[in-house]
Amino acid sequence: MFDSCTGFFRFEVKSQPFLLLEAGCIFGVSPQSWESFIQPDAKIILIPEGFLTHLSVITTGTCRGILHSKTEGTAYNRFLLPTINVTELVKGDISLPLE
C-alpha cells in the first residue's frame, strides 16, 4: 500500500510571491501497518497523528533539499526553508471512509 504527503511553501516580499515550492513524497506502507489503521466497526481508516507527523517531517526535509538543489548557483539559493515544528501543523488523527 502507498500513502503520500505534499509540501507547499511560498516565499513572499510585501505579500508578493517570488518563490514557490511544491513537492510530494510517496511512501510504501506495509500491508500489516495499513490494516492496523482499519476500524471495521466504524467503517473508517484511522491514520494516527504520530504517523502523519512522521511523514510530514520527512516531506519537509525533502522539500528543504529540493529547494537547495534547484536554486544552487542562483540568487535564490540564499533563501532557506527554516526549521518547522510539524507537531503544530498536524492536529490529530485523520479518518477516511472505508468505502
N, C-alpha and C. Protein backbone atom coordinates (compact mmCIF):
# COMPACT_ATOMS: atom_id res chain seq x y z
N MET A 1 0.85 -1.17 0.00
CA MET A 1 0.00 0.00 0.00
C MET A 1 0.90 1.24 0.00
N PHE A 2 0.35 2.32 -0.51
CA PHE A 2 1.10 3.56 -0.58
C PHE A 2 0.33 4.68 0.08
N ASP A 3 1.07 5.64 0.59
CA ASP A 3 0.50 6.86 1.15
C ASP A 3 1.35 8.00 0.62
N SER A 4 0.79 9.18 0.54
CA SER A 4 1.56 10.31 0.04
C SER A 4 1.38 11.52 0.93
N CYS A 5 2.34 12.42 0.83
CA CYS A 5 2.33 13.66 1.60
C CYS A 5 2.88 14.75 0.69
N THR A 6 2.23 15.91 0.65
CA THR A 6 2.66 17.01 -0.21
C THR A 6 3.01 18.22 0.64
N GLY A 7 4.13 18.86 0.29
CA GLY A 7 4.52 20.10 0.95
C GLY A 7 4.42 21.25 -0.02
N PHE A 8 3.92 22.37 0.45
CA PHE A 8 3.82 23.58 -0.37
C PHE A 8 4.37 24.74 0.45
N PHE A 9 5.35 25.44 -0.12
CA PHE A 9 5.97 26.57 0.57
C PHE A 9 6.01 27.76 -0.37
N ARG A 10 5.77 28.93 0.20
CA ARG A 10 5.66 30.16 -0.59
C ARG A 10 6.52 31.23 0.09
N PHE A 11 7.45 31.79 -0.64
CA PHE A 11 8.28 32.88 -0.15
C PHE A 11 7.74 34.18 -0.73
N GLU A 12 7.54 35.19 0.14
CA GLU A 12 6.92 36.45 -0.28
C GLU A 12 7.72 37.65 0.21
N VAL A 13 7.57 38.74 -0.53
CA VAL A 13 8.02 40.06 -0.10
C VAL A 13 6.83 40.99 -0.30
N LYS A 14 6.41 41.64 0.78
CA LYS A 14 5.26 42.55 0.73
C LYS A 14 4.05 41.87 0.08
N SER A 15 3.77 40.67 0.53
CA SER A 15 2.62 39.86 0.07
C SER A 15 2.72 39.42 -1.39
N GLN A 16 3.85 39.61 -2.02
CA GLN A 16 4.05 39.18 -3.41
C GLN A 16 4.96 37.95 -3.44
N PRO A 17 4.48 36.84 -3.97
CA PRO A 17 5.33 35.65 -4.01
C PRO A 17 6.46 35.81 -5.02
N PHE A 18 7.63 35.33 -4.62
CA PHE A 18 8.76 35.33 -5.55
C PHE A 18 9.36 33.94 -5.72
N LEU A 19 8.94 33.01 -4.88
CA LEU A 19 9.46 31.65 -4.98
C LEU A 19 8.40 30.69 -4.42
N LEU A 20 8.02 29.71 -5.24
CA LEU A 20 7.04 28.71 -4.83
C LEU A 20 7.68 27.33 -4.91
N LEU A 21 7.40 26.51 -3.93
CA LEU A 21 7.92 25.14 -3.92
C LEU A 21 6.79 24.20 -3.53
N GLU A 22 6.53 23.23 -4.37
CA GLU A 22 5.56 22.19 -4.06
C GLU A 22 6.19 20.85 -4.43
N ALA A 23 6.18 19.94 -3.49
CA ALA A 23 6.76 18.62 -3.74
C ALA A 23 5.96 17.58 -2.97
N GLY A 24 5.86 16.42 -3.55
CA GLY A 24 5.15 15.32 -2.89
C GLY A 24 6.06 14.12 -2.70
N CYS A 25 5.83 13.41 -1.63
CA CYS A 25 6.56 12.18 -1.36
C CYS A 25 5.55 11.03 -1.32
N ILE A 26 5.91 9.93 -1.89
CA ILE A 26 5.07 8.73 -1.86
C ILE A 26 5.79 7.71 -0.99
N PHE A 27 5.07 7.17 -0.02
CA PHE A 27 5.65 6.25 0.94
C PHE A 27 5.01 4.87 0.79
N GLY A 28 5.84 3.86 0.82
CA GLY A 28 5.33 2.49 0.86
C GLY A 28 4.98 2.12 2.30
N VAL A 29 3.80 1.60 2.51
CA VAL A 29 3.34 1.20 3.84
C VAL A 29 3.04 -0.30 3.78
N SER A 30 3.60 -1.04 4.71
CA SER A 30 3.37 -2.50 4.70
C SER A 30 1.88 -2.80 4.87
N PRO A 31 1.42 -3.87 4.24
CA PRO A 31 0.01 -4.23 4.38
C PRO A 31 -0.42 -4.41 5.84
N GLN A 32 0.48 -4.96 6.67
CA GLN A 32 0.15 -5.14 8.09
C GLN A 32 -0.07 -3.80 8.78
N SER A 33 0.79 -2.83 8.49
CA SER A 33 0.62 -1.50 9.08
C SER A 33 -0.65 -0.85 8.58
N TRP A 34 -0.89 -0.95 7.28
CA TRP A 34 -2.09 -0.33 6.70
C TRP A 34 -3.35 -0.94 7.32
N GLU A 35 -3.35 -2.26 7.48
CA GLU A 35 -4.51 -2.94 8.06
C GLU A 35 -4.75 -2.54 9.51
N SER A 36 -3.68 -2.16 10.22
CA SER A 36 -3.85 -1.73 11.61
C SER A 36 -4.61 -0.40 11.70
N PHE A 37 -4.67 0.34 10.60
CA PHE A 37 -5.40 1.62 10.57
C PHE A 37 -6.91 1.41 10.36
N ILE A 38 -7.29 0.24 9.88
CA ILE A 38 -8.70 -0.01 9.54
C ILE A 38 -9.51 -0.23 10.82
N GLN A 39 -10.61 0.50 10.91
CA GLN A 39 -11.55 0.38 12.02
C GLN A 39 -12.86 -0.18 11.44
N PRO A 40 -12.98 -1.52 11.33
CA PRO A 40 -14.13 -2.09 10.62
C PRO A 40 -15.48 -1.74 11.26
N ASP A 41 -15.55 -1.64 12.58
CA ASP A 41 -16.83 -1.33 13.23
C ASP A 41 -17.32 0.06 12.85
N ALA A 42 -16.38 1.00 12.71
CA ALA A 42 -16.74 2.38 12.35
C ALA A 42 -16.74 2.59 10.84
N LYS A 43 -16.27 1.58 10.10
CA LYS A 43 -16.17 1.67 8.64
C LYS A 43 -15.30 2.85 8.20
N ILE A 44 -14.16 3.00 8.89
CA ILE A 44 -13.21 4.07 8.55
C ILE A 44 -11.79 3.52 8.57
N ILE A 45 -10.91 4.29 7.96
CA ILE A 45 -9.47 4.10 8.11
C ILE A 45 -9.01 5.26 8.98
N LEU A 46 -8.39 4.95 10.10
CA LEU A 46 -7.94 5.97 11.04
C LEU A 46 -6.42 6.03 10.97
N ILE A 47 -5.91 7.12 10.38
CA ILE A 47 -4.46 7.29 10.25
C ILE A 47 -3.99 8.09 11.46
N PRO A 48 -3.11 7.50 12.29
CA PRO A 48 -2.72 8.13 13.54
C PRO A 48 -1.90 9.41 13.35
N GLU A 49 -2.09 10.32 14.28
CA GLU A 49 -1.38 11.60 14.27
C GLU A 49 0.13 11.42 14.22
N GLY A 50 0.66 10.48 15.00
CA GLY A 50 2.11 10.25 15.02
C GLY A 50 2.65 9.83 13.67
N PHE A 51 1.92 8.98 12.98
CA PHE A 51 2.31 8.53 11.64
C PHE A 51 2.27 9.70 10.66
N LEU A 52 1.21 10.50 10.72
CA LEU A 52 1.09 11.68 9.86
C LEU A 52 2.22 12.67 10.12
N THR A 53 2.55 12.87 11.38
CA THR A 53 3.64 13.78 11.74
C THR A 53 4.96 13.27 11.17
N HIS A 54 5.20 11.98 11.29
CA HIS A 54 6.44 11.39 10.77
C HIS A 54 6.57 11.61 9.26
N LEU A 55 5.50 11.36 8.51
CA LEU A 55 5.54 11.58 7.06
C LEU A 55 5.74 13.06 6.74
N SER A 56 5.14 13.94 7.53
CA SER A 56 5.27 15.38 7.31
C SER A 56 6.70 15.86 7.56
N VAL A 57 7.35 15.31 8.57
CA VAL A 57 8.75 15.67 8.86
C VAL A 57 9.64 15.25 7.69
N ILE A 58 9.45 14.04 7.19
CA ILE A 58 10.25 13.56 6.06
C ILE A 58 10.00 14.42 4.82
N THR A 59 8.75 14.75 4.55
CA THR A 59 8.41 15.56 3.37
C THR A 59 8.99 16.96 3.48
N THR A 60 8.94 17.55 4.67
CA THR A 60 9.50 18.89 4.87
C THR A 60 11.01 18.87 4.63
N GLY A 61 11.70 17.87 5.14
CA GLY A 61 13.14 17.75 4.90
C GLY A 61 13.46 17.55 3.43
N THR A 62 12.63 16.79 2.74
CA THR A 62 12.81 16.58 1.30
C THR A 62 12.64 17.91 0.55
N CYS A 63 11.64 18.68 0.93
CA CYS A 63 11.41 19.99 0.31
C CYS A 63 12.61 20.91 0.54
N ARG A 64 13.18 20.84 1.73
CA ARG A 64 14.36 21.65 2.04
C ARG A 64 15.51 21.31 1.09
N GLY A 65 15.72 20.02 0.86
CA GLY A 65 16.78 19.59 -0.05
C GLY A 65 16.50 19.97 -1.49
N ILE A 66 15.25 19.86 -1.91
CA ILE A 66 14.87 20.24 -3.27
C ILE A 66 15.11 21.73 -3.48
N LEU A 67 14.71 22.54 -2.50
CA LEU A 67 14.91 23.99 -2.60
C LEU A 67 16.39 24.31 -2.78
N HIS A 68 17.23 23.69 -1.99
CA HIS A 68 18.67 23.95 -2.10
C HIS A 68 19.20 23.49 -3.46
N SER A 69 18.84 22.30 -3.86
CA SER A 69 19.35 21.73 -5.11
C SER A 69 18.91 22.52 -6.34
N LYS A 70 17.63 22.87 -6.40
CA LYS A 70 17.09 23.54 -7.58
C LYS A 70 17.48 25.01 -7.69
N THR A 71 17.92 25.61 -6.58
CA THR A 71 18.32 27.02 -6.63
C THR A 71 19.84 27.19 -6.58
N GLU A 72 20.55 26.08 -6.54
CA GLU A 72 22.01 26.16 -6.46
C GLU A 72 22.58 26.96 -7.64
N GLY A 73 23.47 27.88 -7.31
CA GLY A 73 24.08 28.72 -8.34
C GLY A 73 23.25 29.92 -8.73
N THR A 74 22.14 30.15 -8.03
CA THR A 74 21.29 31.32 -8.31
C THR A 74 21.19 32.20 -7.06
N ALA A 75 20.67 33.39 -7.24
CA ALA A 75 20.48 34.30 -6.11
C ALA A 75 19.44 33.75 -5.12
N TYR A 76 18.58 32.88 -5.58
CA TYR A 76 17.54 32.32 -4.70
C TYR A 76 18.09 31.30 -3.71
N ASN A 77 19.32 30.85 -3.91
CA ASN A 77 19.89 29.83 -3.04
C ASN A 77 20.11 30.33 -1.61
N ARG A 78 20.07 31.61 -1.40
CA ARG A 78 20.26 32.15 -0.05
C ARG A 78 19.00 32.04 0.80
N PHE A 79 17.88 31.69 0.18
CA PHE A 79 16.63 31.54 0.93
C PHE A 79 16.53 30.10 1.43
N LEU A 80 16.28 29.97 2.71
CA LEU A 80 16.24 28.66 3.35
C LEU A 80 14.84 28.34 3.84
N LEU A 81 14.54 27.10 3.87
CA LEU A 81 13.30 26.64 4.50
C LEU A 81 13.65 26.42 5.96
N PRO A 82 13.10 27.23 6.85
CA PRO A 82 13.51 27.15 8.26
C PRO A 82 13.02 25.87 8.93
N THR A 83 13.52 25.65 10.13
CA THR A 83 13.03 24.54 10.93
C THR A 83 11.56 24.78 11.22
N ILE A 84 10.76 23.75 11.04
CA ILE A 84 9.32 23.85 11.23
C ILE A 84 8.89 22.81 12.26
N ASN A 85 8.14 23.24 13.26
CA ASN A 85 7.60 22.31 14.24
C ASN A 85 6.33 21.69 13.67
N VAL A 86 6.49 20.56 13.02
CA VAL A 86 5.37 19.92 12.32
C VAL A 86 4.28 19.50 13.30
N THR A 87 4.64 19.25 14.56
CA THR A 87 3.61 18.85 15.53
C THR A 87 2.56 19.94 15.73
N GLU A 88 2.91 21.18 15.41
CA GLU A 88 1.93 22.26 15.50
C GLU A 88 1.00 22.28 14.28
N LEU A 89 1.39 21.63 13.20
CA LEU A 89 0.59 21.61 11.98
C LEU A 89 -0.35 20.42 11.91
N VAL A 90 0.10 19.29 12.41
CA VAL A 90 -0.72 18.08 12.39
C VAL A 90 -1.55 18.07 13.67
N LYS A 91 -2.85 18.17 13.52
CA LYS A 91 -3.75 18.33 14.67
C LYS A 91 -4.65 17.11 14.85
N GLY A 92 -4.08 15.98 15.10
CA GLY A 92 -4.88 14.80 15.39
C GLY A 92 -4.88 13.78 14.26
N ASP A 93 -5.56 12.68 14.56
CA ASP A 93 -5.71 11.60 13.58
C ASP A 93 -6.59 12.06 12.42
N ILE A 94 -6.47 11.37 11.30
CA ILE A 94 -7.35 11.62 10.15
C ILE A 94 -8.16 10.35 9.92
N SER A 95 -9.47 10.53 9.77
CA SER A 95 -10.31 9.37 9.46
C SER A 95 -10.86 9.53 8.05
N LEU A 96 -10.83 8.42 7.34
CA LEU A 96 -11.32 8.37 5.96
C LEU A 96 -12.36 7.26 5.86
N PRO A 97 -13.41 7.48 5.08
CA PRO A 97 -14.41 6.42 4.93
C PRO A 97 -13.79 5.19 4.29
N LEU A 98 -14.17 4.04 4.78
CA LEU A 98 -13.62 2.78 4.28
C LEU A 98 -14.14 2.44 2.90
N GLU A 99 -15.31 2.92 2.55
CA GLU A 99 -15.89 2.60 1.25
C GLU A 99 -15.73 3.72 0.27
